[in-house]
């Protein structure tokens, strides 16, 4: 099981990033659309930089630079799986460019091509996120801004993508810029929908024989907290500790997989929360427990 998981995770990350790269290259590249992120930055730079530098090469250089910044600013433990996601996306672009050096619009209808790209990219990203990874890119810049400014992650990422789409408007014209913004909005909405509400908060109630290990993982690895209840089983009449914890989707996936490997017999119930207020939480995002 462990070996299968070690093989499955990188395989799914690569598949997901290749789908995303193909969606961008075949559906957006013919129109020079730049919907934020490293891909959007690469599209703008291909126009501004001298020579005919392939988009994939620029994307790879940008991702390497961003991860170098991440290791320096955020620490060497930052997202090893995300490195694979970022490199997979960049190499995916390089491979698609070499296989199809000249690409025409798939449908010839810019609106249909944008929608198709957003749908495929969202599916690819969800596949990557479900392996507890990301595609790196401007997420790193947003995380750095979150650390050193009052901005939260979502607002920082939105500002970065806005700058990229504005640059696309200046370089390629207002029509390209507006369609790029449209692509960002549709793509983000689809990702949220496919992840069953990416910003939704999960509350887990856990009954396990290995509570100490689970609590240690919640506090030390996830930087969250939990509440312990004492209950008695109706059938066994035995007293048990019940763990209740609330966290974001990404942390929930990590904890669920951890418990599944640690104690397959653990009894877990999960519920969705649309708003959580109080210590450790703000009105618009989940903050780590200080």
Protein backbone atom coordinates (compact mmCIF):
# COMPACT_ATOMS: atom_id res chain seq x y z
CA UNK A 1 0.00 0.00 0.00
CA UNK A 2 2.82 2.42 0.88
CA UNK A 3 4.66 1.69 -2.38
CA UNK A 4 1.44 2.09 -4.37
CA UNK A 5 0.83 5.49 -2.75
CA UNK A 6 4.41 6.59 -3.47
CA UNK A 7 3.90 5.74 -7.14
CA UNK A 8 0.34 7.05 -7.45
CA UNK A 9 0.98 10.53 -6.05
CA UNK A 10 3.76 11.65 -8.44
CA UNK A 11 1.99 9.93 -11.36
CA UNK A 12 -1.27 11.80 -10.72
CA UNK A 13 0.62 15.08 -10.20
CA UNK A 14 2.34 14.67 -13.58
CA UNK A 15 -0.92 13.70 -15.32
CA UNK A 16 -2.72 16.67 -13.78
CA UNK A 17 -0.01 19.16 -14.74
CA UNK A 18 0.21 17.82 -18.31
CA UNK A 19 -3.57 18.27 -18.65
CA UNK A 20 -3.23 21.85 -17.39
CA UNK A 21 -0.31 22.58 -19.71
CA UNK A 22 -2.20 21.16 -22.70
CA UNK A 23 -5.30 23.19 -21.83
CA UNK A 24 -3.27 26.40 -21.74
CA UNK A 25 -1.21 25.66 -24.85
CA UNK A 26 -3.94 24.41 -27.19
CA UNK A 27 -6.83 26.62 -26.11
CA UNK A 28 -5.27 29.87 -24.85
CA UNK A 29 -1.92 30.19 -26.59
CA UNK A 30 -3.37 30.81 -30.10
CA UNK A 31 -5.08 33.95 -28.76
CA UNK A 32 -2.15 35.13 -26.56
CA UNK A 33 -4.45 35.00 -23.54
CA UNK A 34 -2.65 35.49 -20.21
CA UNK A 35 -4.95 34.46 -17.34
CA UNK A 36 -2.53 35.18 -14.51
CA UNK A 37 -0.05 32.76 -13.00
CA UNK A 38 3.30 31.69 -14.39
CA UNK A 39 1.71 30.80 -17.74
CA UNK A 40 0.23 34.29 -18.13
CA UNK A 41 3.54 35.88 -17.17
CA UNK A 42 5.32 33.68 -19.72
CA UNK A 43 2.91 34.73 -22.48
CA UNK A 44 3.59 38.42 -21.79
CA UNK A 45 7.36 37.87 -21.60
CA UNK A 46 7.45 36.06 -24.95
CA UNK A 47 6.32 39.33 -26.49
CA UNK A 48 8.61 41.58 -24.46
CA UNK A 49 11.85 39.56 -24.47
CA UNK A 50 14.13 39.60 -27.53
CA UNK A 51 14.22 36.46 -29.64
CA UNK A 52 11.65 33.74 -30.05
CA UNK A 53 11.84 32.06 -26.64
CA UNK A 54 9.32 29.20 -26.17
CA UNK A 55 6.67 29.68 -23.49
CA UNK A 56 7.69 26.41 -21.80
CA UNK A 57 11.28 27.57 -21.35
CA UNK A 58 10.19 30.87 -19.81
CA UNK A 59 7.74 29.04 -17.53
CA UNK A 60 10.49 26.69 -16.35
CA UNK A 61 12.87 29.57 -15.64
CA UNK A 62 10.19 31.46 -13.70
CA UNK A 63 9.27 28.41 -11.61
CA UNK A 64 12.91 27.72 -10.77
CA UNK A 65 13.34 31.37 -9.73
CA UNK A 66 10.17 31.32 -7.61
CA UNK A 67 11.16 28.13 -5.80
CA UNK A 68 14.62 29.54 -5.13
CA UNK A 69 12.86 32.50 -3.49
CA UNK A 70 10.58 30.10 -1.59
CA UNK A 71 13.53 28.15 -0.16
CA UNK A 72 15.22 31.39 0.87
CA UNK A 73 12.17 33.16 2.33
CA UNK A 74 9.79 30.36 3.34
CA UNK A 75 12.35 27.71 4.28
CA UNK A 76 13.76 24.54 2.66
CA UNK A 77 10.76 22.43 3.70
CA UNK A 78 8.40 24.37 1.44
CA UNK A 79 6.36 22.08 -0.80
CA UNK A 80 8.52 19.27 -2.20
CA UNK A 81 5.46 17.90 -4.01
CA UNK A 82 4.74 21.35 -5.37
CA UNK A 83 8.17 21.36 -7.01
CA UNK A 84 7.09 18.30 -8.99
CA UNK A 85 3.83 20.05 -9.86
CA UNK A 86 5.58 23.21 -11.07
CA UNK A 87 8.21 21.33 -13.06
CA UNK A 88 5.56 18.98 -14.48
CA UNK A 89 3.57 21.95 -15.75
CA UNK A 90 6.62 23.64 -17.31
CA UNK A 91 7.91 20.46 -18.93
CA UNK A 92 4.37 19.74 -20.11
CA UNK A 93 4.39 23.06 -21.96
CA UNK A 94 7.81 22.28 -23.43
CA UNK A 95 6.68 18.85 -24.65
CA UNK A 96 3.42 20.15 -26.16
CA UNK A 97 5.33 22.96 -27.89
CA UNK A 98 7.82 20.53 -29.40
CA UNK A 99 5.15 18.07 -30.52
CA UNK A 100 2.93 20.81 -31.97
CA UNK A 101 5.19 23.83 -32.72
CA UNK A 102 2.44 25.66 -34.60
CA UNK A 103 -1.00 25.46 -33.04
CA UNK A 104 -4.24 26.85 -34.44
CA UNK A 105 -7.36 27.68 -32.41
CA UNK A 106 -9.14 24.44 -31.58
CA UNK A 107 -12.68 25.63 -32.31
CA UNK A 108 -12.02 29.06 -33.78
CA UNK A 109 -14.45 30.50 -31.23
CA UNK A 110 -12.48 32.30 -28.52
CA UNK A 111 -15.27 31.98 -25.95
CA UNK A 112 -15.60 28.21 -26.44
CA UNK A 113 -11.83 27.76 -26.33
CA UNK A 114 -11.59 29.76 -23.08
CA UNK A 115 -14.34 27.68 -21.46
CA UNK A 116 -12.74 24.41 -22.61
CA UNK A 117 -9.35 25.51 -21.26
CA UNK A 118 -10.83 26.50 -17.90
CA UNK A 119 -12.68 23.18 -17.55
CA UNK A 120 -9.62 21.06 -18.40
CA UNK A 121 -7.27 23.18 -16.27
CA UNK A 122 -9.62 22.98 -13.28
CA UNK A 123 -9.83 19.18 -13.56
CA UNK A 124 -6.04 18.95 -13.82
CA UNK A 125 -5.49 21.21 -10.81
CA UNK A 126 -7.98 19.28 -8.67
CA UNK A 127 -6.10 16.09 -9.55
CA UNK A 128 -2.88 17.75 -8.34
CA UNK A 129 -4.43 19.25 -5.18
CA UNK A 130 -5.85 15.88 -4.17
CA UNK A 131 -2.26 14.61 -3.96
CA UNK A 132 -1.57 17.38 -1.40
CA UNK A 133 0.51 19.29 -3.94
CA UNK A 134 0.17 22.43 -6.06
CA UNK A 135 1.65 23.80 -9.25
CA UNK A 136 3.71 26.38 -7.38
CA UNK A 137 4.06 29.42 -9.60
CA UNK A 138 2.53 32.67 -8.40
CA UNK A 139 1.17 30.84 -5.34
CA UNK A 140 4.71 31.26 -3.98
CA UNK A 141 4.71 35.01 -4.61
CA UNK A 142 1.30 35.25 -2.94
CA UNK A 143 2.57 33.31 0.09
CA UNK A 144 5.56 35.64 0.40
CA UNK A 145 3.23 38.67 0.25
CA UNK A 146 1.00 37.06 2.89
CA UNK A 147 3.98 36.64 5.19
CA UNK A 148 5.21 40.21 4.92
CA UNK A 149 2.08 42.30 4.26
CA UNK A 150 -1.40 42.59 5.84
CA UNK A 151 -2.87 40.82 2.77
CA UNK A 152 -4.30 37.32 3.09
CA UNK A 153 -3.35 34.65 0.54
CA UNK A 154 -6.45 35.02 -1.65
CA UNK A 155 -6.16 38.80 -1.96
CA UNK A 156 -2.42 38.62 -2.65
CA UNK A 157 -2.96 36.08 -5.42
CA UNK A 158 -5.77 38.18 -6.90
CA UNK A 159 -3.53 41.26 -6.99
CA UNK A 160 -0.73 39.35 -8.72
CA UNK A 161 -3.10 37.89 -11.33
CA UNK A 162 -4.63 41.35 -11.87
CA UNK A 163 -1.18 42.82 -12.58
CA UNK A 164 -0.49 40.04 -15.11
CA UNK A 165 -3.80 40.51 -16.93
CA UNK A 166 -3.30 44.29 -17.03
CA UNK A 167 0.13 43.70 -18.56
CA UNK A 168 -1.50 41.41 -21.14
CA UNK A 169 -3.96 44.20 -21.99
CA UNK A 170 -1.12 46.67 -22.53
CA UNK A 171 0.91 44.26 -24.65
CA UNK A 172 -1.78 42.47 -26.68
CA UNK A 173 -4.77 44.83 -26.47
CA UNK A 174 -7.85 45.28 -24.33
CA UNK A 175 -9.75 42.37 -25.95
CA UNK A 176 -7.07 39.89 -24.90
CA UNK A 177 -6.95 41.43 -21.43
CA UNK A 178 -10.70 41.17 -20.91
CA UNK A 179 -10.82 37.56 -22.06
CA UNK A 180 -7.85 36.82 -19.77
CA UNK A 181 -9.78 38.24 -16.80
CA UNK A 182 -12.82 36.23 -17.85
CA UNK A 183 -10.67 33.07 -17.92
CA UNK A 184 -9.35 33.77 -14.40
CA UNK A 185 -12.87 34.16 -13.00
CA UNK A 186 -14.27 31.03 -14.70
CA UNK A 187 -11.22 28.92 -13.83
CA UNK A 188 -11.29 29.92 -10.15
CA UNK A 189 -15.02 29.23 -9.92
CA UNK A 190 -14.66 25.78 -11.50
CA UNK A 191 -11.82 24.81 -9.17
CA UNK A 192 -13.92 25.85 -6.17
CA UNK A 193 -16.87 23.86 -7.45
CA UNK A 194 -14.86 20.73 -8.24
CA UNK A 195 -13.21 20.77 -4.84
CA UNK A 196 -16.67 20.81 -3.25
CA UNK A 197 -16.11 24.37 -2.20
CA UNK A 198 -12.36 24.95 -1.84
CA UNK A 199 -12.91 27.54 0.89
CA UNK A 200 -15.38 25.39 2.78
CA UNK A 201 -14.29 24.44 6.27
CA UNK A 202 -14.46 20.87 7.54
CA UNK A 203 -15.21 19.73 11.07
CA UNK A 204 -14.02 16.22 11.89
CA UNK A 205 -15.12 14.09 14.83
CA UNK A 206 -12.68 11.24 15.42
CA UNK A 207 -12.82 8.15 17.62
CA UNK A 208 -9.59 6.16 17.49
CA UNK A 209 -7.30 3.95 19.55
CA UNK A 210 -4.38 6.20 18.58
CA UNK A 211 -5.54 9.61 19.73
CA UNK A 212 -2.12 10.73 20.96
CA UNK A 213 -0.55 10.30 17.51
CA UNK A 214 -3.50 12.01 15.82
CA UNK A 215 -3.42 14.98 18.20
CA UNK A 216 0.33 15.28 17.77
CA UNK A 217 -0.12 15.39 13.99
CA UNK A 218 -2.92 17.99 14.20
CA UNK A 219 -0.93 20.31 16.46
CA UNK A 220 2.64 19.90 15.17
CA UNK A 221 2.19 19.10 11.47
CA UNK A 222 -1.04 20.92 10.61
CA UNK A 223 -0.57 23.81 13.06
CA UNK A 224 -4.19 23.44 14.19
CA UNK A 225 -5.84 22.61 17.50
CA UNK A 226 -8.64 20.33 18.66
CA UNK A 227 -11.16 19.73 21.42
CA UNK A 228 -11.34 16.44 23.36
CA UNK A 229 -14.66 15.07 24.60
CA UNK A 230 -15.13 12.11 26.89
CA UNK A 231 -17.90 9.72 25.89
CA UNK A 232 -19.11 6.20 26.61
CA UNK A 233 -19.90 3.64 23.93
CA UNK A 234 -23.55 2.53 24.09
CA UNK A 235 -22.72 -1.04 23.12
CA UNK A 236 -19.33 -1.60 24.80
CA UNK A 237 -19.96 0.70 27.80
CA UNK A 238 -16.31 1.72 27.48
CA UNK A 239 -15.22 5.32 28.00
CA UNK A 240 -13.46 6.87 25.02
CA UNK A 241 -11.85 10.15 24.01
CA UNK A 242 -13.50 11.88 21.06
CA UNK A 243 -11.47 14.41 19.07
CA UNK A 244 -13.21 17.32 17.37
CA UNK A 245 -11.21 19.60 15.04
CA UNK A 246 -12.01 22.22 12.40
CA UNK A 247 -9.77 23.05 9.44
CA UNK A 248 -9.57 23.99 5.77
CA UNK A 249 -9.94 21.52 2.89
CA UNK A 250 -6.21 21.02 2.31
CA UNK A 251 -5.52 20.23 5.99
CA UNK A 252 -8.60 18.00 6.13
CA UNK A 253 -7.30 15.88 3.23
CA UNK A 254 -3.90 15.52 4.91
CA UNK A 255 -5.45 14.52 8.26
CA UNK A 256 -7.88 12.05 6.66
CA UNK A 257 -5.05 10.31 4.79
CA UNK A 258 -2.88 10.29 7.92
CA UNK A 259 -5.60 8.64 10.01
CA UNK A 260 -6.41 6.14 7.25
CA UNK A 261 -2.77 4.98 7.26
CA UNK A 262 -2.38 5.14 11.05
CA UNK A 263 -5.64 3.53 12.19
CA UNK A 264 -7.92 2.09 9.47
CA UNK A 265 -10.49 1.20 12.18
CA UNK A 266 -10.91 4.82 13.33
CA UNK A 267 -14.48 6.11 13.29
CA UNK A 268 -14.69 9.54 11.62
CA UNK A 269 -17.61 11.83 10.84
CA UNK A 270 -17.17 14.96 8.70
CA UNK A 271 -19.42 18.00 8.30
CA UNK A 272 -19.15 21.19 6.26
CA UNK A 273 -18.96 24.58 7.95
CA UNK A 274 -19.47 27.77 5.96
CA UNK A 275 -18.27 30.17 8.62
CA UNK A 276 -16.17 29.76 11.75
CA UNK A 277 -15.39 32.65 14.09
CA UNK A 278 -13.35 32.86 17.26
CA UNK A 279 -9.84 32.15 18.49
CA UNK A 280 -7.55 31.01 15.66
CA UNK A 281 -9.97 32.19 12.96
CA UNK A 282 -10.61 35.48 11.21
CA UNK A 283 -13.72 36.61 9.38
CA UNK A 284 -12.39 35.76 5.92
CA UNK A 285 -9.88 32.93 6.30
CA UNK A 286 -8.51 30.28 8.60
CA UNK A 287 -5.36 31.32 10.39
CA UNK A 288 -2.92 28.93 12.04
CA UNK A 289 -3.25 28.77 15.81
CA UNK A 290 -0.67 31.12 17.27
